C-alpha atoms as a PDB file:
ATOM      1  CA  MET A   1     -20.714 -39.779 -30.677  1.00  0.00           C
ATOM      2  CA  LYS A   2     -18.147 -37.318 -29.046  1.00  0.00           C
ATOM      3  CA  TYR A   3     -18.152 -39.362 -25.973  1.00  0.00           C
ATOM      4  CA  LEU A   4     -17.035 -42.660 -27.578  1.00  0.00           C
ATOM      5  CA  LEU A   5     -14.034 -40.801 -29.422  1.00  0.00           C
ATOM      6  CA  LEU A   6     -12.707 -38.756 -25.922  1.00  0.00           C
ATOM      7  CA  LEU A   7     -12.846 -42.489 -24.057  1.00  0.00           C
ATOM      8  CA  PRO A   8      -9.680 -44.098 -25.520  1.00  0.00           C
ATOM      9  CA  LEU A   9      -7.934 -39.749 -24.754  1.00  0.00           C
ATOM     10  CA  MET A  10      -9.797 -40.342 -21.139  1.00  0.00           C
ATOM     11  CA  PHE A  11      -8.117 -44.252 -20.301  1.00  0.00           C
ATOM     12  CA  THR A  12      -4.772 -42.956 -20.912  1.00  0.00           C
ATOM     13  CA  PHE A  13      -4.282 -40.187 -18.501  1.00  0.00           C
ATOM     14  CA  LEU A  14      -6.332 -41.823 -16.425  1.00  0.00           C
ATOM     15  CA  SER A  15      -3.569 -45.216 -17.122  1.00  0.00           C
ATOM     16  CA  THR A  16      -0.769 -43.322 -16.478  1.00  0.00           C
ATOM     17  CA  ASP A  17      -1.164 -42.836 -13.043  1.00  0.00           C
ATOM     18  CA  VAL A  18      -1.534 -46.706 -12.915  1.00  0.00           C
ATOM     19  CA  LEU A  19       1.296 -47.721 -14.836  1.00  0.00           C
ATOM     20  CA  ALA A  20       3.911 -45.002 -12.931  1.00  0.00           C
ATOM     21  CA  GLU A  21       6.483 -46.174 -11.556  1.00  0.00           C
ATOM     22  CA  GLU A  22       5.763 -47.245  -7.399  1.00  0.00           C
ATOM     23  CA  LYS A  23       8.186 -45.122  -5.425  1.00  0.00           C
ATOM     24  CA  ILE A  24       8.478 -43.898  -0.898  1.00  0.00           C
ATOM     25  CA  TYR A  25       9.771 -41.764   1.521  1.00  0.00           C
ATOM     26  CA  HIS A  26      11.692 -42.815   3.631  1.00  0.00           C
ATOM     27  CA  ILE A  27      13.567 -41.892   7.075  1.00  0.00           C
ATOM     28  CA  ALA A  28      16.351 -43.337   8.345  1.00  0.00           C
ATOM     29  CA  LYS A  29      19.994 -43.320   9.710  1.00  0.00           C
ATOM     30  CA  VAL A  30      22.548 -44.574   7.496  1.00  0.00           C
ATOM     31  CA  THR A  31      24.495 -46.928   9.417  1.00  0.00           C
ATOM     32  CA  ALA A  32      26.882 -48.823   6.680  1.00  0.00           C
ATOM     33  CA  ILE A  33      28.320 -47.416   3.295  1.00  0.00           C
ATOM     34  CA  ILE A  34      29.511 -49.947   0.572  1.00  0.00           C
ATOM     35  CA  ASN A  35      31.163 -49.120  -2.047  1.00  0.00           C
ATOM     36  CA  ASP A  36      32.112 -51.347  -5.216  1.00  0.00           C
ATOM     37  CA  THR A  37      33.782 -51.054  -8.367  1.00  0.00           C
ATOM     38  CA  GLU A  38      31.618 -55.058  -9.051  1.00  0.00           C
ATOM     39  CA  LYS A  39      28.991 -54.936  -7.887  1.00  0.00           C
ATOM     40  CA  TYR A  40      25.964 -53.106  -6.611  1.00  0.00           C
ATOM     41  CA  SER A  41      25.878 -50.438  -9.467  1.00  0.00           C
ATOM     42  CA  GLY A  42      29.011 -49.346  -7.532  1.00  0.00           C
ATOM     43  CA  CYS A  43      27.420 -47.702  -4.030  1.00  0.00           C
ATOM     44  CA  MET A  44      25.104 -48.942  -1.205  1.00  0.00           C
ATOM     45  CA  ILE A  45      24.226 -48.339   2.170  1.00  0.00           C
ATOM     46  CA  ARG A  46      22.754 -49.706   4.934  1.00  0.00           C
ATOM     47  CA  LEU A  47      19.545 -48.263   6.463  1.00  0.00           C
ATOM     48  CA  GLU A  48      18.029 -48.770  10.107  1.00  0.00           C
ATOM     49  CA  PRO A  49      15.215 -48.944  10.236  1.00  0.00           C
ATOM     50  CA  GLU A  50      14.734 -50.976   6.927  1.00  0.00           C
ATOM     51  CA  PHE A  51      12.333 -50.030   4.833  1.00  0.00           C
ATOM     52  CA  GLN A  52       8.994 -51.475   3.634  1.00  0.00           C
ATOM     53  CA  GLY A  53       6.084 -50.587   1.473  1.00  0.00           C
ATOM     54  CA  ILE A  54       7.668 -51.860  -1.992  1.00  0.00           C
ATOM     55  CA  GLN A  55       6.865 -55.210  -2.764  1.00  0.00           C
ATOM     56  CA  SER A  56       9.377 -55.420  -5.484  1.00  0.00           C
ATOM     57  CA  CYS A  57      12.638 -54.844  -3.497  1.00  0.00           C
ATOM     58  CA  PRO A  58      13.952 -57.935  -1.894  1.00  0.00           C
ATOM     59  CA  ARG A  59      16.162 -56.815   0.467  1.00  0.00           C
ATOM     60  CA  LYS A  60      14.450 -54.146   2.697  1.00  0.00           C
ATOM     61  CA  ASP A  61      17.902 -53.434   5.095  1.00  0.00           C
ATOM     62  CA  PHE A  62      20.161 -51.975   2.009  1.00  0.00           C
ATOM     63  CA  VAL A  63      20.332 -49.278  -1.311  1.00  0.00           C
ATOM     64  CA  SER A  64      21.365 -48.425  -3.837  1.00  0.00           C
ATOM     65  CA  LEU A  65      22.671 -45.484  -4.365  1.00  0.00           C
ATOM     66  CA  ASP A  66      23.640 -46.569  -8.866  1.00  0.00           C
ATOM     67  CA  CYS A  67      27.284 -45.287  -8.254  1.00  0.00           C
ATOM     68  CA  ASP A  68      26.702 -46.186 -11.844  1.00  0.00           C
ATOM     69  CA  GLY A  69      24.612 -44.329 -12.931  1.00  0.00           C
ATOM     70  CA  LYS A  70      23.224 -47.374 -15.162  1.00  0.00           C
ATOM     71  CA  VAL A  71      19.855 -47.638 -14.408  1.00  0.00           C
ATOM     72  CA  ILE A  72      18.323 -44.096 -13.521  1.00  0.00           C
ATOM     73  CA  ASN A  73      20.414 -42.101 -11.430  1.00  0.00           C
ATOM     74  CA  THR A  74      23.745 -40.032 -13.426  1.00  0.00           C
ATOM     75  CA  ARG A  75      27.175 -40.687 -11.963  1.00  0.00           C
ATOM     76  CA  ALA A  76      27.426 -36.802 -10.882  1.00  0.00           C
ATOM     77  CA  SER A  77      23.428 -37.391  -9.761  1.00  0.00           C
ATOM     78  CA  ALA A  78      24.762 -40.544  -8.010  1.00  0.00           C
ATOM     79  CA  SER A  79      27.429 -38.290  -6.648  1.00  0.00           C
ATOM     80  CA  GLN A  80      26.287 -35.799  -4.845  1.00  0.00           C
ATOM     81  CA  LEU A  81      23.589 -38.843  -3.648  1.00  0.00           C
ATOM     82  CA  LEU A  82      26.611 -40.302  -1.974  1.00  0.00           C
ATOM     83  CA  ASN A  83      27.920 -37.336  -0.481  1.00  0.00           C
ATOM     84  CA  ALA A  84      24.721 -36.113   1.704  1.00  0.00           C
ATOM     85  CA  VAL A  85      24.708 -40.346   3.018  1.00  0.00           C
ATOM     86  CA  GLN A  86      28.106 -39.939   3.833  1.00  0.00           C
ATOM     87  CA  LEU A  87      27.885 -36.321   5.900  1.00  0.00           C
ATOM     88  CA  SER A  88      24.800 -37.911   7.735  1.00  0.00           C
ATOM     89  CA  PHE A  89      26.869 -40.997   8.275  1.00  0.00           C
ATOM     90  CA  VAL A  90      29.527 -39.264   9.852  1.00  0.00           C
ATOM     91  CA  ALA A  91      27.065 -36.344  12.069  1.00  0.00           C
ATOM     92  CA  ASP A  92      25.026 -38.874  12.918  1.00  0.00           C
ATOM     93  CA  LEU A  93      21.725 -37.253  11.792  1.00  0.00           C
ATOM     94  CA  SER A  94      18.825 -39.006   9.734  1.00  0.00           C
ATOM     95  CA  VAL A  95      18.040 -38.974   5.664  1.00  0.00           C
ATOM     96  CA  ARG A  96      14.847 -38.884   4.010  1.00  0.00           C
ATOM     97  CA  LEU A  97      15.516 -41.006   0.937  1.00  0.00           C
ATOM     98  CA  ARG A  98      12.874 -41.869  -2.283  1.00  0.00           C
ATOM     99  CA  ILE A  99      13.066 -45.351  -2.713  1.00  0.00           C
ATOM    100  CA  THR A 100      11.900 -46.606  -6.320  1.00  0.00           C
ATOM    101  CA  GLU A 101      11.109 -50.298  -7.404  1.00  0.00           C
ATOM    102  CA  ASN A 102      14.108 -49.756  -9.723  1.00  0.00           C
ATOM    103  CA  THR A 103      16.284 -52.626  -8.608  1.00  0.00           C
ATOM    104  CA  VAL A 104      20.400 -53.260  -9.463  1.00  0.00           C
ATOM    105  CA  ASP A 105      21.686 -56.821  -7.929  1.00  0.00           C
ATOM    106  CA  GLY A 106      18.658 -57.162  -6.385  1.00  0.00           C
ATOM    107  CA  PHE A 107      18.407 -54.088  -4.268  1.00  0.00           C
ATOM    108  CA  CYS A 108      16.454 -50.837  -4.853  1.00  0.00           C
ATOM    109  CA  ILE A 109      17.626 -47.859  -6.202  1.00  0.00           C
ATOM    110  CA  ALA A 110      16.736 -44.101  -4.037  1.00  0.00           C
ATOM    111  CA  ASP A 111      17.086 -41.157  -6.426  1.00  0.00           C
ATOM    112  CA  TYR A 112      16.999 -39.110  -3.616  1.00  0.00           C
ATOM    113  CA  VAL A 113      18.334 -37.953  -0.134  1.00  0.00           C
ATOM    114  CA  ARG A 114      17.447 -35.281   2.312  1.00  0.00           C
ATOM    115  CA  ILE A 115      18.980 -35.418   5.590  1.00  0.00           C
ATOM    116  CA  ASP A 116      17.160 -34.638   8.371  1.00  0.00           C
ATOM    117  CA  LYS A 117      18.718 -32.713  11.730  1.00  0.00           C
END
C-alpha cells in the first residue's frame, strides 16, 4: 500500500525532465546583427553554420536574443548577450550559444552566450 502512495510522487519527479524545455548548445560565428524596434523582439543574430537539433525552430540561420525582454530574457540580460555577440562579431571570434525552443516571430531565442577564442 505504501508503494501505491509513492507512485504519483515518483511520476511527478520523473515527468519533469520530459516536460522540460528543449535547449541545445551551438558553436558558430556571428555573421550579421539586426536591431529592430518592431520585429524579432528587438534584435537578432545570424549564425554560420546554422544550428540543428530543435525541431520547433522553423529558421536555423537566425536567433533572437529577446532584447525587448518579453519572452525569456530580461532587457538587462539581453543587453549583455548582445554586447558579447557584438564583441565576437568585431573580433571575428566564435560564440557558444544556448538556444531554446522559445520563439518570437518564428525564430528561436538564445539565453546564453560565451565567446570562444
